Amino acid sequence: MIFHTKVSATLEGGYIEDEYHNEIPVPGETITFRAELRPLTGDEKDSAERDLIVTRFRLFYPRTITLTALCTVNVNGQDYKIVGQPEPHSIGGRVHHYEVLLERITG
């Protein structure tokens, strides 16, 4: 698997507690890595109010990167949401890479 595409992902932030026990949101960390992106489907859905365009890709990324379903992935300036949990793929009994479904809804 050759990873050609430069991808950035925003990992989920958390909360810290101040001296008054109030939760303060902490922004997520952004990481950049190389991955492989393959198109899957594109759908257009007409509704009474607007047209929706749903675009899906499959993202293959190295085992050294940790993504969750709460991360946002940016490819070529466009943000995608992760659908479901990343799937590990093994070769010879070791995890070789992960795959995840990306989705972008516009309209």
N, C-alpha and C. Protein backbone atom coordinates (compact mmCIF):
# COMPACT_ATOMS: atom_id res chain seq x y z
N MET A 1 0.85 -1.16 0.00
CA MET A 1 0.00 0.00 0.00
C MET A 1 0.90 1.23 0.00
N ILE A 2 0.70 2.09 -0.97
CA ILE A 2 1.49 3.32 -1.08
C ILE A 2 0.61 4.49 -0.66
N PHE A 3 1.09 5.26 0.30
CA PHE A 3 0.32 6.39 0.81
C PHE A 3 0.81 7.66 0.13
N HIS A 4 0.02 8.19 -0.81
CA HIS A 4 0.41 9.36 -1.59
C HIS A 4 -0.24 10.66 -1.14
N THR A 5 -1.44 10.60 -0.61
CA THR A 5 -2.22 11.79 -0.33
C THR A 5 -1.91 12.36 1.04
N LYS A 6 -1.67 13.67 1.10
CA LYS A 6 -1.43 14.33 2.38
C LYS A 6 -2.79 14.63 3.03
N VAL A 7 -2.96 14.15 4.25
CA VAL A 7 -4.23 14.24 4.96
C VAL A 7 -3.96 14.84 6.34
N SER A 8 -4.90 15.63 6.83
CA SER A 8 -4.80 16.08 8.22
C SER A 8 -6.07 15.65 8.94
N ALA A 9 -5.93 15.37 10.21
CA ALA A 9 -7.07 14.95 11.03
C ALA A 9 -7.06 15.72 12.32
N THR A 10 -8.24 16.12 12.74
CA THR A 10 -8.39 16.79 14.03
C THR A 10 -8.90 15.76 15.02
N LEU A 11 -8.05 15.46 15.99
CA LEU A 11 -8.41 14.49 17.02
C LEU A 11 -9.32 15.14 18.03
N GLU A 12 -10.15 14.35 18.64
CA GLU A 12 -11.13 14.85 19.60
C GLU A 12 -10.45 15.57 20.76
N GLY A 13 -10.96 16.72 21.09
CA GLY A 13 -10.48 17.46 22.26
C GLY A 13 -11.12 16.90 23.51
N GLY A 14 -10.83 17.49 24.61
CA GLY A 14 -11.40 17.03 25.87
C GLY A 14 -11.84 18.20 26.71
N TYR A 15 -11.86 18.00 28.00
CA TYR A 15 -12.24 19.04 28.95
C TYR A 15 -11.24 19.05 30.10
N ILE A 16 -10.98 20.23 30.59
CA ILE A 16 -10.21 20.37 31.82
C ILE A 16 -11.10 21.06 32.84
N GLU A 17 -10.75 20.93 34.08
CA GLU A 17 -11.56 21.51 35.14
C GLU A 17 -10.79 22.66 35.79
N ASP A 18 -11.46 23.80 35.94
CA ASP A 18 -10.79 24.93 36.60
C ASP A 18 -10.93 24.80 38.11
N GLU A 19 -10.42 25.81 38.84
CA GLU A 19 -10.43 25.73 40.30
C GLU A 19 -11.84 25.77 40.89
N TYR A 20 -12.83 26.18 40.07
CA TYR A 20 -14.22 26.22 40.54
C TYR A 20 -15.02 25.00 40.07
N HIS A 21 -14.32 24.01 39.53
CA HIS A 21 -14.90 22.75 39.05
C HIS A 21 -15.80 22.95 37.83
N ASN A 22 -15.52 23.96 37.03
CA ASN A 22 -16.22 24.16 35.77
C ASN A 22 -15.43 23.45 34.67
N GLU A 23 -16.15 22.81 33.75
CA GLU A 23 -15.47 22.15 32.64
C GLU A 23 -15.18 23.17 31.55
N ILE A 24 -13.93 23.19 31.10
CA ILE A 24 -13.50 24.09 30.04
C ILE A 24 -13.09 23.23 28.85
N PRO A 25 -13.71 23.43 27.68
CA PRO A 25 -13.34 22.62 26.52
C PRO A 25 -11.92 22.92 26.04
N VAL A 26 -11.21 21.86 25.66
CA VAL A 26 -9.87 21.98 25.12
C VAL A 26 -9.95 21.59 23.64
N PRO A 27 -9.43 22.43 22.74
CA PRO A 27 -9.50 22.10 21.32
C PRO A 27 -8.71 20.85 21.00
N GLY A 28 -9.15 20.14 19.97
CA GLY A 28 -8.48 18.92 19.57
C GLY A 28 -7.14 19.20 18.90
N GLU A 29 -6.32 18.19 18.85
CA GLU A 29 -5.00 18.28 18.23
C GLU A 29 -5.11 17.92 16.75
N THR A 30 -4.41 18.67 15.89
CA THR A 30 -4.41 18.38 14.46
C THR A 30 -3.10 17.71 14.09
N ILE A 31 -3.20 16.56 13.40
CA ILE A 31 -2.03 15.84 12.94
C ILE A 31 -2.08 15.73 11.42
N THR A 32 -0.91 15.64 10.79
CA THR A 32 -0.81 15.49 9.34
C THR A 32 -0.07 14.21 9.03
N PHE A 33 -0.57 13.46 8.05
CA PHE A 33 0.05 12.19 7.68
C PHE A 33 -0.26 11.87 6.22
N ARG A 34 0.37 10.84 5.69
CA ARG A 34 0.12 10.37 4.32
C ARG A 34 -0.85 9.20 4.37
N ALA A 35 -1.77 9.16 3.41
CA ALA A 35 -2.78 8.11 3.37
C ALA A 35 -3.16 7.84 1.91
N GLU A 36 -3.99 6.86 1.71
CA GLU A 36 -4.52 6.52 0.38
C GLU A 36 -6.02 6.77 0.41
N LEU A 37 -6.54 7.46 -0.57
CA LEU A 37 -7.95 7.82 -0.62
C LEU A 37 -8.56 7.26 -1.89
N ARG A 38 -9.64 6.51 -1.76
CA ARG A 38 -10.31 5.93 -2.92
C ARG A 38 -11.78 6.31 -2.92
N PRO A 39 -12.28 6.81 -4.04
CA PRO A 39 -13.70 7.20 -4.10
C PRO A 39 -14.61 5.98 -4.05
N LEU A 40 -15.75 6.14 -3.39
CA LEU A 40 -16.74 5.08 -3.33
C LEU A 40 -18.00 5.48 -4.07
N THR A 41 -18.77 6.40 -3.50
CA THR A 41 -20.04 6.79 -4.10
C THR A 41 -20.28 8.28 -3.97
N GLY A 42 -21.16 8.74 -4.79
CA GLY A 42 -21.67 10.10 -4.70
C GLY A 42 -23.17 10.05 -4.97
N ASP A 43 -23.95 10.60 -4.08
CA ASP A 43 -25.41 10.58 -4.21
C ASP A 43 -25.95 11.99 -4.18
N GLU A 44 -27.00 12.22 -4.95
CA GLU A 44 -27.74 13.48 -4.87
C GLU A 44 -29.13 13.15 -4.37
N LYS A 45 -29.54 13.85 -3.34
CA LYS A 45 -30.86 13.61 -2.75
C LYS A 45 -31.64 14.91 -2.81
N ASP A 46 -32.80 14.86 -3.44
CA ASP A 46 -33.67 16.02 -3.51
C ASP A 46 -34.63 15.99 -2.35
N SER A 47 -34.72 17.08 -1.65
CA SER A 47 -35.74 17.22 -0.62
C SER A 47 -36.56 18.46 -0.96
N ALA A 48 -37.61 18.66 -0.24
CA ALA A 48 -38.49 19.80 -0.52
C ALA A 48 -37.77 21.13 -0.33
N GLU A 49 -36.81 21.18 0.57
CA GLU A 49 -36.16 22.44 0.90
C GLU A 49 -34.85 22.67 0.15
N ARG A 50 -34.07 21.59 -0.09
CA ARG A 50 -32.77 21.78 -0.74
C ARG A 50 -32.26 20.46 -1.30
N ASP A 51 -31.24 20.58 -2.15
CA ASP A 51 -30.57 19.40 -2.68
C ASP A 51 -29.39 19.05 -1.79
N LEU A 52 -29.24 17.77 -1.48
CA LEU A 52 -28.13 17.30 -0.67
C LEU A 52 -27.21 16.45 -1.55
N ILE A 53 -25.92 16.65 -1.41
CA ILE A 53 -24.94 15.84 -2.13
C ILE A 53 -24.12 15.11 -1.08
N VAL A 54 -24.12 13.78 -1.17
CA VAL A 54 -23.39 12.94 -0.23
C VAL A 54 -22.24 12.29 -0.99
N THR A 55 -21.02 12.52 -0.53
CA THR A 55 -19.83 11.96 -1.15
C THR A 55 -19.14 11.06 -0.14
N ARG A 56 -18.75 9.85 -0.58
CA ARG A 56 -18.10 8.89 0.32
C ARG A 56 -16.76 8.44 -0.27
N PHE A 57 -15.78 8.31 0.61
CA PHE A 57 -14.46 7.80 0.25
C PHE A 57 -14.05 6.74 1.25
N ARG A 58 -13.14 5.87 0.84
CA ARG A 58 -12.50 4.95 1.77
C ARG A 58 -11.09 5.45 1.97
N LEU A 59 -10.70 5.61 3.23
CA LEU A 59 -9.38 6.11 3.58
C LEU A 59 -8.56 4.96 4.17
N PHE A 60 -7.38 4.73 3.58
CA PHE A 60 -6.42 3.75 4.08
C PHE A 60 -5.29 4.55 4.73
N TYR A 61 -4.95 4.23 5.97
CA TYR A 61 -3.90 5.01 6.63
C TYR A 61 -3.02 4.08 7.47
N PRO A 62 -1.79 4.53 7.79
CA PRO A 62 -0.83 3.68 8.48
C PRO A 62 -1.26 3.28 9.88
N ARG A 63 -0.73 2.18 10.34
CA ARG A 63 -1.07 1.66 11.67
C ARG A 63 -0.57 2.55 12.79
N THR A 64 0.35 3.44 12.50
CA THR A 64 0.92 4.31 13.54
C THR A 64 0.01 5.48 13.89
N ILE A 65 -1.06 5.69 13.13
CA ILE A 65 -2.00 6.79 13.36
C ILE A 65 -3.22 6.25 14.10
N THR A 66 -3.68 6.98 15.11
CA THR A 66 -4.86 6.57 15.87
C THR A 66 -6.00 7.54 15.60
N LEU A 67 -7.02 7.06 14.90
CA LEU A 67 -8.23 7.84 14.63
C LEU A 67 -9.42 7.16 15.29
N THR A 68 -10.43 7.95 15.62
CA THR A 68 -11.68 7.40 16.16
C THR A 68 -12.84 7.96 15.33
N ALA A 69 -14.02 7.49 15.63
CA ALA A 69 -15.21 7.95 14.91
C ALA A 69 -15.53 9.41 15.20
N LEU A 70 -14.89 10.00 16.20
CA LEU A 70 -15.15 11.39 16.56
C LEU A 70 -14.19 12.37 15.90
N CYS A 71 -13.25 11.87 15.13
CA CYS A 71 -12.26 12.72 14.45
C CYS A 71 -12.86 13.31 13.17
N THR A 72 -12.30 14.43 12.75
CA THR A 72 -12.64 15.03 11.47
C THR A 72 -11.40 14.95 10.58
N VAL A 73 -11.58 14.53 9.33
CA VAL A 73 -10.45 14.37 8.41
C VAL A 73 -10.55 15.45 7.33
N ASN A 74 -9.43 16.09 7.03
CA ASN A 74 -9.39 17.13 6.01
C ASN A 74 -8.52 16.64 4.86
N VAL A 75 -9.12 16.62 3.66
CA VAL A 75 -8.41 16.21 2.45
C VAL A 75 -8.60 17.31 1.41
N ASN A 76 -7.51 17.87 0.93
CA ASN A 76 -7.55 18.93 -0.08
C ASN A 76 -8.48 20.08 0.32
N GLY A 77 -8.45 20.46 1.59
CA GLY A 77 -9.24 21.58 2.06
C GLY A 77 -10.70 21.28 2.35
N GLN A 78 -11.11 20.03 2.23
CA GLN A 78 -12.50 19.67 2.49
C GLN A 78 -12.56 18.75 3.72
N ASP A 79 -13.51 19.05 4.61
CA ASP A 79 -13.66 18.26 5.83
C ASP A 79 -14.61 17.10 5.61
N TYR A 80 -14.23 15.95 6.16
CA TYR A 80 -15.04 14.73 6.08
C TYR A 80 -15.23 14.18 7.49
N LYS A 81 -16.38 13.59 7.71
CA LYS A 81 -16.67 12.91 8.97
C LYS A 81 -16.37 11.43 8.80
N ILE A 82 -15.90 10.81 9.87
CA ILE A 82 -15.65 9.37 9.86
C ILE A 82 -16.96 8.67 10.19
N VAL A 83 -17.29 7.65 9.41
CA VAL A 83 -18.51 6.88 9.63
C VAL A 83 -18.10 5.53 10.21
N GLY A 84 -18.49 5.25 11.44
CA GLY A 84 -18.14 3.99 12.09
C GLY A 84 -16.73 4.03 12.67
N GLN A 85 -16.30 2.89 13.16
CA GLN A 85 -14.97 2.77 13.75
C GLN A 85 -13.96 2.31 12.69
N PRO A 86 -12.70 2.72 12.81
CA PRO A 86 -11.67 2.26 11.89
C PRO A 86 -11.52 0.73 11.94
N GLU A 87 -11.25 0.14 10.78
CA GLU A 87 -11.12 -1.31 10.67
C GLU A 87 -9.64 -1.67 10.52
N PRO A 88 -9.08 -2.48 11.42
CA PRO A 88 -7.69 -2.90 11.26
C PRO A 88 -7.58 -4.01 10.22
N HIS A 89 -6.51 -3.97 9.41
CA HIS A 89 -6.25 -5.02 8.42
C HIS A 89 -4.86 -5.58 8.68
N SER A 90 -4.81 -6.90 8.85
CA SER A 90 -3.58 -7.58 9.21
C SER A 90 -2.96 -8.31 8.04
N ILE A 91 -1.64 -8.37 8.05
CA ILE A 91 -0.87 -9.18 7.11
C ILE A 91 0.15 -9.94 7.95
N GLY A 92 0.13 -11.25 7.86
CA GLY A 92 1.07 -12.07 8.63
C GLY A 92 0.88 -11.97 10.12
N GLY A 93 -0.33 -11.73 10.57
CA GLY A 93 -0.62 -11.69 12.00
C GLY A 93 -0.37 -10.34 12.65
N ARG A 94 0.08 -9.35 11.90
CA ARG A 94 0.31 -8.00 12.44
C ARG A 94 -0.58 -7.00 11.73
N VAL A 95 -1.02 -5.98 12.45
CA VAL A 95 -1.82 -4.93 11.83
C VAL A 95 -0.93 -4.19 10.83
N HIS A 96 -1.37 -4.14 9.59
CA HIS A 96 -0.61 -3.47 8.52
C HIS A 96 -1.08 -2.04 8.32
N HIS A 97 -2.41 -1.85 8.28
CA HIS A 97 -3.00 -0.52 8.09
C HIS A 97 -4.44 -0.54 8.59
N TYR A 98 -5.04 0.63 8.62
CA TYR A 98 -6.45 0.77 8.99
C TYR A 98 -7.22 1.33 7.81
N GLU A 99 -8.51 1.01 7.77
CA GLU A 99 -9.41 1.56 6.76
C GLU A 99 -10.61 2.17 7.47
N VAL A 100 -11.09 3.27 6.90
CA VAL A 100 -12.25 3.93 7.49
C VAL A 100 -13.06 4.57 6.36
N LEU A 101 -14.36 4.68 6.56
CA LEU A 101 -15.26 5.30 5.61
C LEU A 101 -15.40 6.79 5.94
N LEU A 102 -15.18 7.64 4.94
CA LEU A 102 -15.34 9.08 5.12
C LEU A 102 -16.60 9.54 4.38
N GLU A 103 -17.28 10.53 4.93
CA GLU A 103 -18.51 11.03 4.31
C GLU A 103 -18.56 12.55 4.43
N ARG A 104 -18.99 13.19 3.35
CA ARG A 104 -19.18 14.65 3.33
C ARG A 104 -20.57 14.92 2.76
N ILE A 105 -21.34 15.72 3.48
CA ILE A 105 -22.69 16.07 3.03
C ILE A 105 -22.71 17.58 2.80
N THR A 106 -23.07 18.00 1.59
CA THR A 106 -23.15 19.41 1.26
C THR A 106 -24.52 19.71 0.69
N GLY A 107 -24.90 20.95 0.78
CA GLY A 107 -26.17 21.37 0.20
C GLY A 107 -27.08 22.01 1.18
